[in-house]
């Protein structure tokens, strides 16, 4: 008997869900991201150095700096 396995993820992709961010929270997150972006620039730090010191990936730091929805 031959058994076939079918991977449904190849046929159908689930839609991506995004979190609901209220306007007041969005403004706070944007301000926090801007502060996180400006502080290292004043000190001459790069994203690589920031990622090493915080143990976060460069992509995560970039996402924090850009804010929600970017």
Protein backbone atom coordinates (compact mmCIF):
# COMPACT_ATOMS: atom_id res chain seq x y z
CA UNK A 1 0.00 0.00 0.00
CA UNK A 2 1.33 3.44 -0.95
CA UNK A 3 0.63 6.24 1.42
CA UNK A 4 0.58 9.82 0.20
CA UNK A 5 1.02 12.67 2.56
CA UNK A 6 -0.36 16.04 1.60
CA UNK A 7 1.04 19.22 3.08
CA UNK A 8 -1.85 21.67 3.21
CA UNK A 9 0.47 24.62 3.82
CA UNK A 10 1.58 24.31 0.21
CA UNK A 11 -2.01 24.71 -0.97
CA UNK A 12 -3.49 27.27 1.42
CA UNK A 13 -1.80 30.02 3.37
CA UNK A 14 -3.51 31.36 6.46
CA UNK A 15 -3.99 35.13 6.37
CA UNK A 16 -1.58 37.15 8.47
CA UNK A 17 -3.13 38.68 11.57
CA UNK A 18 -2.03 42.02 12.89
CA UNK A 19 -2.47 43.43 16.36
CA UNK A 20 -4.89 46.28 16.95
CA UNK A 21 -2.99 49.33 18.18
CA UNK A 22 -5.04 52.21 19.50
CA UNK A 23 -4.05 55.77 18.43
CA UNK A 24 -2.81 56.85 21.86
CA UNK A 25 -0.66 53.74 22.20
CA UNK A 26 0.56 54.15 18.61
CA UNK A 27 1.78 57.69 19.40
CA UNK A 28 3.58 56.46 22.51
CA UNK A 29 5.23 53.65 20.57
CA UNK A 30 6.28 56.04 17.80
CA UNK A 31 7.77 58.42 20.37
CA UNK A 32 9.59 55.56 22.09
CA UNK A 33 10.94 54.36 18.74
CA UNK A 34 12.11 57.86 17.88
CA UNK A 35 13.91 58.14 21.25
CA UNK A 36 15.52 54.75 20.75
CA UNK A 37 16.59 55.85 17.28
CA UNK A 38 18.05 59.22 18.34
CA UNK A 39 19.90 58.19 21.53
CA UNK A 40 22.42 55.89 19.79
CA UNK A 41 22.96 58.44 17.00
CA UNK A 42 23.98 61.03 19.58
CA UNK A 43 26.49 58.59 21.02
CA UNK A 44 27.67 57.33 17.63
CA UNK A 45 26.37 53.78 18.13
CA UNK A 46 25.42 51.64 15.16
CA UNK A 47 22.53 49.19 14.96
CA UNK A 48 25.09 46.38 15.10
CA UNK A 49 26.53 47.68 18.38
CA UNK A 50 23.03 48.23 19.78
CA UNK A 51 22.02 44.69 18.84
CA UNK A 52 25.13 43.26 20.50
CA UNK A 53 24.58 45.23 23.69
CA UNK A 54 20.84 44.54 23.96
CA UNK A 55 21.05 40.99 22.59
CA UNK A 56 18.30 41.82 20.11
CA UNK A 57 18.61 41.21 16.40
CA UNK A 58 19.28 44.14 14.05
CA UNK A 59 15.89 43.47 12.48
CA UNK A 60 14.18 43.83 15.87
CA UNK A 61 15.99 47.10 16.56
CA UNK A 62 15.01 48.39 13.12
CA UNK A 63 11.36 47.46 13.75
CA UNK A 64 11.41 49.24 17.12
CA UNK A 65 12.88 52.36 15.53
CA UNK A 66 10.33 52.41 12.70
CA UNK A 67 7.35 51.84 14.99
CA UNK A 68 4.12 49.95 14.49
CA UNK A 69 2.72 49.41 11.04
CA UNK A 70 5.97 49.96 9.16
